[in-house]
Amino acid sequence: MSTFVHAVARGLTGPEAAREAGYTGQPESLRKAAYRLRKNPVVQAELARIRQEDRGRALARRREVLEVLTRQLRATLADCFDVQEAGTKGKVRRLVVNEARALAVCEKVRRDPSTGKIVSLELPSVQGAVDRLARLLGWFPTEKHQVEHNLDLATLMAQLSDEEVERPAGAGSQ
């Protein structure tokens, strides 16, 4: 039963999942076996548990995206560097790229091909980060665009045959 449940959870059809679970026979018998298995309360409970876990993972991914976009929104170049003290008694200070933070907040990181060291950083635009964050949160309504054209429908209709005008959209020629 466990193999069947996991196969269904991965998106296989009932007969495909039944075959993967070791059932044999014609497609009709596999369909009936899958139907019986899906009616089993243990199978239903396990499928519900797996689907709930999947929803939890999806929410975590959404949360992670929100966190990344928020970090990008608030990022400054200072977030990408550490100050290191060098020399005697720490009199010399230098900025060193903190690679992990730079990769987390920067939109583009360019490396020197020969050394692999970071040579340039590009922060995301604040407007771009706000736009992506707002769209993800559903703050913007769906955009509608009006398209203008110079198409003369009367002339186009006159050029079409009666068969082409009456054929449903998407129907191929015969």
C-alpha atoms as a PDB file:
ATOM      1  CA  MET A   1       0.000   0.000   0.000  1.00  0.00           C
ATOM      2  CA  SER A   2       2.823   2.395   0.810  1.00  0.00           C
ATOM      3  CA  THR A   3       4.260   2.167  -2.699  1.00  0.00           C
ATOM      4  CA  PHE A   4       0.829   2.920  -4.162  1.00  0.00           C
ATOM      5  CA  VAL A   5       0.334   5.924  -1.860  1.00  0.00           C
ATOM      6  CA  HIS A   6       3.740   7.410  -2.686  1.00  0.00           C
ATOM      7  CA  ALA A   7       3.221   6.848  -6.415  1.00  0.00           C
ATOM      8  CA  VAL A   8      -0.143   8.664  -6.295  1.00  0.00           C
ATOM      9  CA  ALA A   9       1.424  11.452  -4.229  1.00  0.00           C
ATOM     10  CA  ARG A  10       4.098  11.850  -6.940  1.00  0.00           C
ATOM     11  CA  GLY A  11       1.327  12.391  -9.504  1.00  0.00           C
ATOM     12  CA  LEU A  12       0.931   8.992 -11.126  1.00  0.00           C
ATOM     13  CA  THR A  13      -2.567   7.979 -12.201  1.00  0.00           C
ATOM     14  CA  GLY A  14      -4.330   5.268 -10.213  1.00  0.00           C
ATOM     15  CA  PRO A  15      -3.560   2.458 -12.696  1.00  0.00           C
ATOM     16  CA  GLU A  16       0.073   3.605 -13.011  1.00  0.00           C
ATOM     17  CA  ALA A  17       0.437   3.678  -9.231  1.00  0.00           C
ATOM     18  CA  ALA A  18      -1.168   0.238  -8.941  1.00  0.00           C
ATOM     19  CA  ARG A  19       1.267  -1.169 -11.512  1.00  0.00           C
ATOM     20  CA  GLU A  20       4.197   0.411  -9.645  1.00  0.00           C
ATOM     21  CA  ALA A  21       2.888  -1.137  -6.406  1.00  0.00           C
ATOM     22  CA  GLY A  22       3.125  -4.594  -7.993  1.00  0.00           C
ATOM     23  CA  TYR A  23      -0.386  -5.117  -9.330  1.00  0.00           C
ATOM     24  CA  THR A  24      -0.589  -6.779 -12.735  1.00  0.00           C
ATOM     25  CA  GLY A  25      -3.243  -7.216 -15.356  1.00  0.00           C
ATOM     26  CA  GLN A  26      -5.131  -5.336 -18.005  1.00  0.00           C
ATOM     27  CA  PRO A  27      -5.733  -1.575 -17.680  1.00  0.00           C
ATOM     28  CA  GLU A  28      -9.308  -2.181 -16.491  1.00  0.00           C
ATOM     29  CA  SER A  29      -8.204  -4.468 -13.641  1.00  0.00           C
ATOM     30  CA  LEU A  30      -5.484  -1.964 -12.656  1.00  0.00           C
ATOM     31  CA  ARG A  31      -8.097   0.809 -12.636  1.00  0.00           C
ATOM     32  CA  LYS A  32     -10.349  -1.257 -10.353  1.00  0.00           C
ATOM     33  CA  ALA A  33      -7.448  -2.101  -8.016  1.00  0.00           C
ATOM     34  CA  ALA A  34      -6.543   1.597  -7.818  1.00  0.00           C
ATOM     35  CA  TYR A  35     -10.177   2.483  -7.084  1.00  0.00           C
ATOM     36  CA  ARG A  36     -10.320  -0.048  -4.221  1.00  0.00           C
ATOM     37  CA  LEU A  37      -7.000   1.183  -2.825  1.00  0.00           C
ATOM     38  CA  ARG A  38      -8.113   4.829  -2.954  1.00  0.00           C
ATOM     39  CA  LYS A  39     -11.247   3.921  -0.952  1.00  0.00           C
ATOM     40  CA  ASN A  40      -9.139   2.305   1.784  1.00  0.00           C
ATOM     41  CA  PRO A  41      -9.173   4.584   4.907  1.00  0.00           C
ATOM     42  CA  VAL A  42      -5.498   3.859   5.624  1.00  0.00           C
ATOM     43  CA  VAL A  43      -4.535   4.933   2.084  1.00  0.00           C
ATOM     44  CA  GLN A  44      -6.709   8.041   2.334  1.00  0.00           C
ATOM     45  CA  ALA A  45      -5.143   9.005   5.673  1.00  0.00           C
ATOM     46  CA  GLU A  46      -1.601   8.492   4.364  1.00  0.00           C
ATOM     47  CA  LEU A  47      -2.334  10.528   1.211  1.00  0.00           C
ATOM     48  CA  ALA A  48      -3.800  13.317   3.343  1.00  0.00           C
ATOM     49  CA  ARG A  49      -0.690  13.290   5.563  1.00  0.00           C
ATOM     50  CA  ILE A  50       1.678  13.463   2.573  1.00  0.00           C
ATOM     51  CA  ARG A  51      -0.321  16.261   0.949  1.00  0.00           C
ATOM     52  CA  GLN A  52      -0.285  18.233   4.216  1.00  0.00           C
ATOM     53  CA  GLU A  53       3.501  17.850   4.398  1.00  0.00           C
ATOM     54  CA  ASP A  54       3.761  19.039   0.789  1.00  0.00           C
ATOM     55  CA  ARG A  55       1.673  22.103   1.623  1.00  0.00           C
ATOM     56  CA  GLY A  56       3.982  22.799   4.556  1.00  0.00           C
ATOM     57  CA  ARG A  57       7.014  22.641   2.287  1.00  0.00           C
ATOM     58  CA  ALA A  58       5.316  24.923  -0.242  1.00  0.00           C
ATOM     59  CA  LEU A  59       4.604  27.490   2.486  1.00  0.00           C
ATOM     60  CA  ALA A  60       8.205  27.296   3.616  1.00  0.00           C
ATOM     61  CA  ARG A  61       9.336  28.029   0.084  1.00  0.00           C
ATOM     62  CA  ARG A  62       6.960  30.984  -0.084  1.00  0.00           C
ATOM     63  CA  ARG A  63       8.279  32.220   3.257  1.00  0.00           C
ATOM     64  CA  GLU A  64      11.849  31.846   2.046  1.00  0.00           C
ATOM     65  CA  VAL A  65      11.056  33.874  -1.069  1.00  0.00           C
ATOM     66  CA  LEU A  66       9.508  36.583   1.079  1.00  0.00           C
ATOM     67  CA  GLU A  67      12.619  36.636   3.272  1.00  0.00           C
ATOM     68  CA  VAL A  68      14.955  36.910   0.268  1.00  0.00           C
ATOM     69  CA  LEU A  69      12.906  39.687  -1.315  1.00  0.00           C
ATOM     70  CA  THR A  70      12.760  41.553   1.996  1.00  0.00           C
ATOM     71  CA  ARG A  71      16.560  41.236   2.386  1.00  0.00           C
ATOM     72  CA  GLN A  72      16.989  42.558  -1.147  1.00  0.00           C
ATOM     73  CA  LEU A  73      14.637  45.432  -0.424  1.00  0.00           C
ATOM     74  CA  ARG A  74      16.658  46.489   2.625  1.00  0.00           C
ATOM     75  CA  ALA A  75      20.125  45.649   1.301  1.00  0.00           C
ATOM     76  CA  THR A  76      23.001  48.111   1.226  1.00  0.00           C
ATOM     77  CA  LEU A  77      26.567  47.588   0.062  1.00  0.00           C
ATOM     78  CA  ALA A  78      27.636  47.590   3.706  1.00  0.00           C
ATOM     79  CA  ASP A  79      25.795  44.265   4.068  1.00  0.00           C
ATOM     80  CA  CYS A  80      28.260  42.696   1.628  1.00  0.00           C
ATOM     81  CA  PHE A  81      31.482  43.550   3.453  1.00  0.00           C
ATOM     82  CA  ASP A  82      33.287  42.866   6.710  1.00  0.00           C
ATOM     83  CA  VAL A  83      35.908  45.122   8.223  1.00  0.00           C
ATOM     84  CA  GLN A  84      39.149  43.316   8.956  1.00  0.00           C
ATOM     85  CA  GLU A  85      41.872  44.752  11.098  1.00  0.00           C
ATOM     86  CA  ALA A  86      45.393  44.068   9.944  1.00  0.00           C
ATOM     87  CA  GLY A  87      48.874  45.191  10.821  1.00  0.00           C
ATOM     88  CA  THR A  88      50.272  45.839  14.242  1.00  0.00           C
ATOM     89  CA  LYS A  89      47.743  46.720  16.894  1.00  0.00           C
ATOM     90  CA  GLY A  90      44.942  46.802  14.328  1.00  0.00           C
ATOM     91  CA  LYS A  91      45.913  50.158  12.881  1.00  0.00           C
ATOM     92  CA  VAL A  92      45.111  49.130   9.306  1.00  0.00           C
ATOM     93  CA  ARG A  93      41.551  48.287   8.412  1.00  0.00           C
ATOM     94  CA  ARG A  94      40.322  46.918   5.137  1.00  0.00           C
ATOM     95  CA  LEU A  95      37.008  45.900   3.657  1.00  0.00           C
ATOM     96  CA  VAL A  96      36.637  42.256   2.725  1.00  0.00           C
ATOM     97  CA  VAL A  97      33.719  40.825   0.786  1.00  0.00           C
ATOM     98  CA  ASN A  98      31.526  38.597   2.930  1.00  0.00           C
ATOM     99  CA  GLU A  99      30.676  36.157   0.159  1.00  0.00           C
ATOM    100  CA  ALA A 100      27.677  34.514   1.820  1.00  0.00           C
ATOM    101  CA  ARG A 101      25.962  37.834   2.544  1.00  0.00           C
ATOM    102  CA  ALA A 102      26.869  39.240  -0.870  1.00  0.00           C
ATOM    103  CA  LEU A 103      25.310  36.247  -2.623  1.00  0.00           C
ATOM    104  CA  ALA A 104      22.210  36.533  -0.425  1.00  0.00           C
ATOM    105  CA  VAL A 105      21.469  40.193  -1.136  1.00  0.00           C
ATOM    106  CA  CYS A 106      23.045  41.017  -4.491  1.00  0.00           C
ATOM    107  CA  GLU A 107      21.248  40.609  -7.781  1.00  0.00           C
ATOM    108  CA  LYS A 108      24.462  40.103  -9.756  1.00  0.00           C
ATOM    109  CA  VAL A 109      27.859  38.955  -8.531  1.00  0.00           C
ATOM    110  CA  ARG A 110      30.678  38.921 -11.083  1.00  0.00           C
ATOM    111  CA  ARG A 111      33.843  36.907 -10.480  1.00  0.00           C
ATOM    112  CA  ASP A 112      37.278  37.078 -12.023  1.00  0.00           C
ATOM    113  CA  PRO A 113      37.438  33.925 -14.183  1.00  0.00           C
ATOM    114  CA  SER A 114      41.084  33.275 -13.401  1.00  0.00           C
ATOM    115  CA  THR A 115      40.977  33.708  -9.613  1.00  0.00           C
ATOM    116  CA  GLY A 116      37.309  33.118  -8.820  1.00  0.00           C
ATOM    117  CA  LYS A 117      37.312  36.190  -6.604  1.00  0.00           C
ATOM    118  CA  ILE A 118      34.373  38.550  -6.601  1.00  0.00           C
ATOM    119  CA  VAL A 119      35.174  41.646  -8.650  1.00  0.00           C
ATOM    120  CA  SER A 120      31.822  43.417  -8.760  1.00  0.00           C
ATOM    121  CA  LEU A 121      28.502  43.407  -6.925  1.00  0.00           C
ATOM    122  CA  GLU A 122      25.175  44.780  -8.081  1.00  0.00           C
ATOM    123  CA  LEU A 123      22.392  45.379  -5.603  1.00  0.00           C
ATOM    124  CA  PRO A 124      18.854  44.865  -6.820  1.00  0.00           C
ATOM    125  CA  SER A 125      16.882  47.999  -7.461  1.00  0.00           C
ATOM    126  CA  VAL A 126      14.657  48.851  -4.527  1.00  0.00           C
ATOM    127  CA  GLN A 127      11.754  49.368  -6.936  1.00  0.00           C
ATOM    128  CA  GLY A 128      12.320  45.921  -8.453  1.00  0.00           C
ATOM    129  CA  ALA A 129      12.407  44.263  -5.030  1.00  0.00           C
ATOM    130  CA  VAL A 130       9.260  46.098  -3.942  1.00  0.00           C
ATOM    131  CA  ASP A 131       7.522  45.151  -7.185  1.00  0.00           C
ATOM    132  CA  ARG A 132       8.397  41.430  -6.868  1.00  0.00           C
ATOM    133  CA  LEU A 133       7.449  41.398  -3.187  1.00  0.00           C
ATOM    134  CA  ALA A 134       4.128  43.164  -3.795  1.00  0.00           C
ATOM    135  CA  ARG A 135       3.220  40.811  -6.659  1.00  0.00           C
ATOM    136  CA  LEU A 136       4.016  37.764  -4.548  1.00  0.00           C
ATOM    137  CA  LEU A 137       1.812  39.091  -1.751  1.00  0.00           C
ATOM    138  CA  GLY A 138      -0.987  39.909  -4.193  1.00  0.00           C
ATOM    139  CA  TRP A 139      -0.909  43.648  -3.538  1.00  0.00           C
ATOM    140  CA  PHE A 140      -1.209  44.535  -7.229  1.00  0.00           C
ATOM    141  CA  PRO A 141      -4.353  43.745  -9.195  1.00  0.00           C
ATOM    142  CA  THR A 142      -3.991  41.692 -12.345  1.00  0.00           C
ATOM    143  CA  GLU A 143      -2.808  43.918 -15.148  1.00  0.00           C
ATOM    144  CA  LYS A 144      -4.974  44.322 -18.220  1.00  0.00           C
ATOM    145  CA  HIS A 145      -3.613  45.700 -21.448  1.00  0.00           C
ATOM    146  CA  GLN A 146      -5.520  47.246 -24.301  1.00  0.00           C
ATOM    147  CA  VAL A 147      -4.121  46.490 -27.708  1.00  0.00           C
ATOM    148  CA  GLU A 148      -4.691  48.789 -30.657  1.00  0.00           C
ATOM    149  CA  HIS A 149      -4.407  47.552 -34.209  1.00  0.00           C
ATOM    150  CA  ASN A 150      -5.033  48.719 -37.737  1.00  0.00           C
ATOM    151  CA  LEU A 151      -6.834  45.560 -38.763  1.00  0.00           C
ATOM    152  CA  ASP A 152      -9.900  46.036 -40.934  1.00  0.00           C
ATOM    153  CA  LEU A 153     -12.147  43.163 -39.883  1.00  0.00           C
ATOM    154  CA  ALA A 154     -14.637  43.737 -42.729  1.00  0.00           C
ATOM    155  CA  THR A 155     -11.885  43.325 -45.337  1.00  0.00           C
ATOM    156  CA  LEU A 156     -10.469  40.285 -43.550  1.00  0.00           C
ATOM    157  CA  MET A 157     -13.884  38.620 -43.309  1.00  0.00           C
ATOM    158  CA  ALA A 158     -14.495  39.245 -47.036  1.00  0.00           C
ATOM    159  CA  GLN A 159     -11.230  37.437 -47.855  1.00  0.00           C
ATOM    160  CA  LEU A 160     -12.119  34.333 -45.820  1.00  0.00           C
ATOM    161  CA  SER A 161     -14.134  31.510 -47.332  1.00  0.00           C
ATOM    162  CA  ASP A 162     -17.476  30.546 -45.770  1.00  0.00           C
ATOM    163  CA  GLU A 163     -15.890  27.319 -44.493  1.00  0.00           C
ATOM    164  CA  GLU A 164     -13.120  29.242 -42.659  1.00  0.00           C
ATOM    165  CA  VAL A 165     -15.615  31.626 -41.075  1.00  0.00           C
ATOM    166  CA  GLU A 166     -17.808  28.793 -39.768  1.00  0.00           C
ATOM    167  CA  ARG A 167     -14.970  26.559 -38.518  1.00  0.00           C
ATOM    168  CA  PRO A 168     -14.599  26.743 -34.691  1.00  0.00           C
ATOM    169  CA  ALA A 169     -11.464  28.361 -33.342  1.00  0.00           C
ATOM    170  CA  GLY A 170      -8.626  25.877 -32.978  1.00  0.00           C
ATOM    171  CA  ALA A 171     -10.115  23.405 -35.449  1.00  0.00           C
ATOM    172  CA  GLY A 172      -7.602  22.332 -38.051  1.00  0.00           C
ATOM    173  CA  SER A 173      -8.199  22.240 -41.781  1.00  0.00           C
ATOM    174  CA  GLN A 174      -9.345  18.947 -43.212  1.00  0.00           C
END
